[in-house]
Protein backbone atom coordinates (compact mmCIF):
# COMPACT_ATOMS: atom_id res chain seq x y z
CA MET A 1 88.78 107.07 52.05
CA THR A 2 89.65 103.88 53.98
CA ALA A 3 92.67 104.08 56.25
CA ALA A 4 95.54 101.74 55.42
CA ALA A 5 95.64 98.56 57.50
CA PRO A 6 98.29 98.57 60.23
CA PRO A 7 101.39 96.37 59.83
CA ALA A 8 101.08 92.71 60.69
CA LEU A 9 103.64 93.32 63.45
CA GLU A 10 105.07 96.54 64.81
CA ILE A 11 107.75 96.52 67.51
CA ALA A 12 109.06 99.77 68.94
CA GLY A 13 111.68 100.37 71.63
CA LEU A 14 111.42 96.85 73.04
CA SER A 15 113.90 95.93 75.78
CA HIS A 16 114.00 92.95 78.14
CA SER A 17 116.34 91.70 80.85
CA PHE A 18 116.82 88.52 82.81
CA GLY A 19 118.26 89.87 86.04
CA ALA A 20 121.49 91.62 85.13
CA VAL A 21 121.51 90.14 81.62
CA ARG A 22 120.07 92.45 78.94
CA ALA A 23 118.49 90.15 76.35
CA LEU A 24 116.96 92.85 74.12
CA ARG A 25 117.94 96.50 73.74
CA GLU A 26 115.57 99.02 72.16
CA VAL A 27 114.47 96.65 69.38
CA SER A 28 112.32 98.27 66.69
CA PHE A 29 111.08 96.93 63.33
CA THR A 30 107.89 96.13 61.42
CA VAL A 31 106.52 93.19 59.45
CA PRO A 32 104.35 94.61 56.64
CA ARG A 33 101.13 92.96 55.55
CA GLY A 34 101.70 90.00 53.24
CA ALA A 35 105.47 90.01 53.77
CA PHE A 36 108.13 87.43 54.53
CA VAL A 37 110.61 88.90 57.01
CA ALA A 38 113.64 86.92 58.16
CA LEU A 39 114.85 87.49 61.70
CA LEU A 40 118.55 86.64 61.43
CA GLY A 41 120.78 85.95 64.39
CA VAL A 42 123.09 83.37 65.87
CA ASN A 43 122.00 81.34 68.88
CA GLY A 44 121.75 83.70 71.83
CA ALA A 45 120.99 86.77 69.71
CA GLY A 46 117.59 87.23 71.37
CA LYS A 47 115.28 85.72 68.74
CA THR A 48 113.47 83.34 71.09
CA THR A 49 113.17 86.03 73.78
CA LEU A 50 111.58 88.31 71.21
CA PHE A 51 109.10 85.61 70.19
CA SER A 52 108.29 84.92 73.84
CA LEU A 53 107.44 88.59 74.35
CA VAL A 54 105.28 88.79 71.23
CA THR A 55 103.35 85.67 72.28
CA ARG A 56 103.04 86.88 75.90
CA LEU A 57 105.01 83.98 77.39
CA TYR A 58 107.02 86.83 78.93
CA ASP A 59 105.58 90.16 79.94
CA SER A 60 107.02 93.20 78.24
CA THR A 61 107.47 96.28 80.40
CA SER A 62 109.54 98.41 78.01
CA GLY A 63 108.50 99.36 74.50
CA THR A 64 105.42 98.33 72.53
CA ILE A 65 104.33 95.31 70.50
CA ARG A 66 101.36 95.59 68.17
CA VAL A 67 99.93 92.69 66.21
CA ALA A 68 97.68 93.84 63.36
CA GLY A 69 97.28 97.10 65.26
CA PHE A 70 96.43 95.54 68.64
CA ASP A 71 98.69 96.26 71.61
CA ALA A 72 99.92 92.90 72.90
CA ARG A 73 100.06 94.16 76.49
CA ARG A 74 96.82 96.11 76.66
CA GLN A 75 94.78 93.97 74.23
CA PRO A 76 96.37 90.50 74.57
CA GLY A 77 93.28 88.56 73.49
CA GLU A 78 92.91 90.49 70.25
CA ALA A 79 96.63 90.38 69.52
CA LEU A 80 97.10 86.66 70.21
CA ALA A 81 94.02 85.75 68.16
CA ARG A 82 95.85 87.08 65.12
CA LEU A 83 99.02 85.06 65.72
CA GLY A 84 99.92 81.60 64.52
CA VAL A 85 103.07 80.27 66.17
CA VAL A 86 105.50 77.48 65.25
CA PHE A 87 108.09 77.09 67.99
CA GLN A 88 111.18 74.89 67.86
CA SER A 89 109.59 72.43 70.31
CA ARG A 90 106.82 70.21 68.97
CA ALA A 91 103.21 70.94 69.94
CA LEU A 92 101.61 67.84 68.41
CA ASP A 93 101.06 64.48 70.16
CA GLY A 94 102.94 61.77 68.28
CA ASP A 95 100.56 59.02 69.45
CA LEU A 96 97.51 60.70 67.90
CA THR A 97 96.65 61.00 64.24
CA LEU A 98 97.14 64.30 62.49
CA THR A 99 93.37 64.88 62.36
CA GLN A 100 92.97 64.09 66.05
CA ASN A 101 95.71 66.57 66.91
CA LEU A 102 94.20 69.30 64.77
CA ARG A 103 90.70 68.66 66.16
CA TYR A 104 92.07 69.09 69.67
CA HIS A 105 93.88 72.33 68.83
CA ALA A 106 90.81 73.65 66.99
CA ALA A 107 88.81 73.14 70.20
CA LEU A 108 91.45 75.12 72.13
CA HIS A 109 90.75 78.01 69.76
CA GLY A 110 87.01 77.70 70.31
CA ILE A 111 86.36 76.18 66.90
CA GLY A 112 83.40 73.78 67.10
CA ARG A 113 83.56 70.25 65.71
CA ARG A 114 81.27 71.03 62.77
CA GLU A 115 83.34 74.04 61.73
CA ALA A 116 86.62 72.29 62.52
CA ALA A 117 86.20 69.41 60.04
CA PRO A 118 86.26 71.51 56.83
CA ARG A 119 88.91 73.82 58.26
CA ILE A 120 91.18 70.89 59.09
CA ALA A 121 90.77 69.57 55.55
CA GLU A 122 91.56 73.05 54.23
CA VAL A 123 94.78 73.56 56.21
CA LEU A 124 96.01 70.06 55.39
CA THR A 125 95.56 70.88 51.72
CA LEU A 126 97.49 74.14 52.19
CA VAL A 127 100.50 72.26 53.58
CA SER A 128 100.19 69.28 51.19
CA LEU A 129 99.36 66.73 53.89
CA SER A 130 95.82 65.68 52.95
CA ASP A 131 97.01 62.13 52.34
CA LYS A 132 98.40 61.97 55.90
CA ALA A 133 95.22 63.07 57.68
CA HIS A 134 94.76 59.73 59.46
CA ALA A 135 98.42 58.89 60.00
CA ARG A 136 99.91 59.00 63.49
CA VAL A 137 102.13 62.05 63.83
CA ALA A 138 105.00 59.86 65.04
CA THR A 139 105.06 58.12 61.65
CA LEU A 140 105.54 61.37 59.70
CA SER A 141 108.94 62.49 58.48
CA GLY A 142 110.62 65.49 60.09
CA GLY A 143 109.59 67.79 57.27
CA GLN A 144 106.02 66.50 57.33
CA GLN A 145 105.84 67.10 61.08
CA ARG A 146 106.96 70.69 60.64
CA ARG A 147 104.35 71.22 57.92
CA ALA A 148 101.80 69.69 60.30
CA GLU A 149 102.84 72.27 62.91
CA ILE A 150 102.20 75.00 60.34
CA ALA A 151 98.75 73.51 59.65
CA ARG A 152 98.03 73.69 63.39
CA ALA A 153 99.13 77.32 63.48
CA LEU A 154 96.78 78.16 60.60
CA LEU A 155 93.60 76.68 62.10
CA HIS A 156 92.21 79.96 63.48
CA ARG A 157 93.09 81.99 60.35
CA PRO A 158 95.89 84.12 61.81
CA GLU A 159 97.19 87.23 60.10
CA LEU A 160 100.80 86.69 61.19
CA LEU A 161 102.88 83.52 61.43
CA LEU A 162 105.83 83.40 63.81
CA LEU A 163 108.27 80.61 62.99
CA ASP A 164 111.19 80.07 65.36
CA GLU A 165 113.94 78.03 63.66
CA ALA A 166 111.22 76.10 61.81
CA THR A 167 113.73 74.05 59.78
CA ALA A 168 116.11 73.16 62.63
CA GLY A 169 117.20 69.53 62.43
CA LEU A 170 115.71 68.92 58.98
CA ASP A 171 117.55 67.67 55.92
CA LEU A 172 117.97 69.89 52.87
CA ARG A 173 114.92 68.61 51.00
CA ALA A 174 112.64 68.93 54.05
CA ARG A 175 113.91 72.45 54.73
CA ASP A 176 113.09 73.46 51.15
CA GLU A 177 109.58 71.99 51.49
CA VAL A 178 108.87 73.93 54.69
CA ARG A 179 110.16 77.20 53.23
CA ARG A 180 108.10 76.68 50.07
CA VAL A 181 104.94 76.09 52.10
CA VAL A 182 105.42 79.31 54.06
CA ARG A 183 106.18 81.41 50.99
CA ASP A 184 103.19 79.92 49.15
CA LEU A 185 100.92 80.78 52.10
CA ILE A 186 102.04 84.40 51.91
CA ALA A 187 101.32 84.51 48.18
CA THR A 188 97.97 82.70 48.25
CA GLU A 189 96.51 83.31 51.72
CA GLY A 190 97.77 86.83 52.38
CA VAL A 191 99.36 86.00 55.73
CA SER A 192 102.61 87.58 56.89
CA ALA A 193 105.56 85.67 58.33
CA LEU A 194 108.41 86.42 60.70
CA TRP A 195 110.93 83.64 60.08
CA ALA A 196 113.65 83.34 62.72
CA THR A 197 116.79 81.57 61.54
CA HIS A 198 120.56 81.54 61.76
CA MET A 199 120.99 79.94 58.31
CA MET A 200 121.86 82.39 55.55
CA GLU A 201 120.97 79.93 52.78
CA GLU A 202 117.29 80.23 53.73
CA ILE A 203 117.23 83.89 52.69
CA ALA A 204 116.83 85.38 49.21
CA PRO A 205 118.48 88.73 48.33
CA GLU A 206 115.07 90.41 47.87
CA ASP A 207 113.79 89.27 51.29
CA ARG A 208 113.27 91.73 54.10
CA VAL A 209 115.62 90.97 56.99
CA VAL A 210 116.14 92.05 60.57
CA VAL A 211 119.63 91.24 61.83
CA LEU A 212 119.60 90.78 65.59
CA HIS A 213 122.86 90.49 67.52
CA ARG A 214 123.33 90.53 71.28
CA GLY A 215 119.79 91.82 71.61
CA GLU A 216 120.25 94.77 69.24
CA VAL A 217 119.00 95.35 65.70
CA ARG A 218 122.03 95.77 63.44
CA LEU A 219 120.05 96.01 60.19
CA ALA A 220 116.40 96.26 59.17
CA GLY A 221 116.13 96.29 55.39
CA ARG A 222 116.60 94.04 52.38
CA ALA A 223 118.95 91.08 52.43
CA ALA A 224 120.75 92.58 49.42
CA GLU A 225 121.98 95.34 51.74
CA LEU A 226 124.22 92.73 53.38
CA GLY A 227 126.29 92.71 50.19
CA GLY A 228 127.11 90.15 47.50
CA SER A 229 127.63 87.39 50.04
CA LEU A 230 124.85 87.32 52.62
CA ALA A 231 126.99 85.28 55.00
CA GLN A 232 129.95 87.66 54.77
CA GLY A 233 127.69 90.68 55.16
CA PHE A 234 126.09 89.13 58.22
CA LEU A 235 129.47 88.38 59.76
CA ALA A 236 130.60 91.94 59.16
CA LEU A 237 127.49 93.32 60.86
CA THR A 238 127.87 91.06 63.87
CA GLU A 239 131.65 91.28 64.21
CA GLU A 240 132.71 91.86 67.80
CA THR A 241 134.88 94.85 68.56
CA ALA A 242 137.32 95.05 71.40
């Protein structure tokens, strides 16, 4: 009998400090295989710190992080190879075409030019940007640029996508397009996604959520557990007490 595959992401007892400031406190949650999990929190909740620890931009000394079963601290190469990351800051060169950007990032992942060409065509199809393959990135709309960032993150066939405020600064239509692309990837490609946001309207009641506030997990469950109004439920969970 084959053992069940480990979760796409498993975080247990994770804490982190910047000097005297405690950014994360005993954070624990999982992202199951093929799941969309929203990491909810206002600015300063610790979302970006958490992403920085998972991606090894910061070193974690307390708790464990496992990506697809690989310990991010002890097996960083194996863990990072299974991650695709879309940060708030842009990673694509606006003066280059979309294909040129993706060819460069494919090389960074050790993907040869012959293998890269069909893979680039494949990921552009997945994010509905095939018609923009030879356009300069600077000429793309905000939503198209974010979808291009997702294409970049998919090049090496990751098992888990991390998206940090992926729709920040986009208009309503562009935000919907980006969310649709990510949810479609989960349904068709079998990837998992941890979607960090502070916008309640991006979450459906059936979604899995992790509410992070002042570095602590206040809820890990379904969005419906926040109550009839997701926004009101979130505010109640993160209400400050004297």
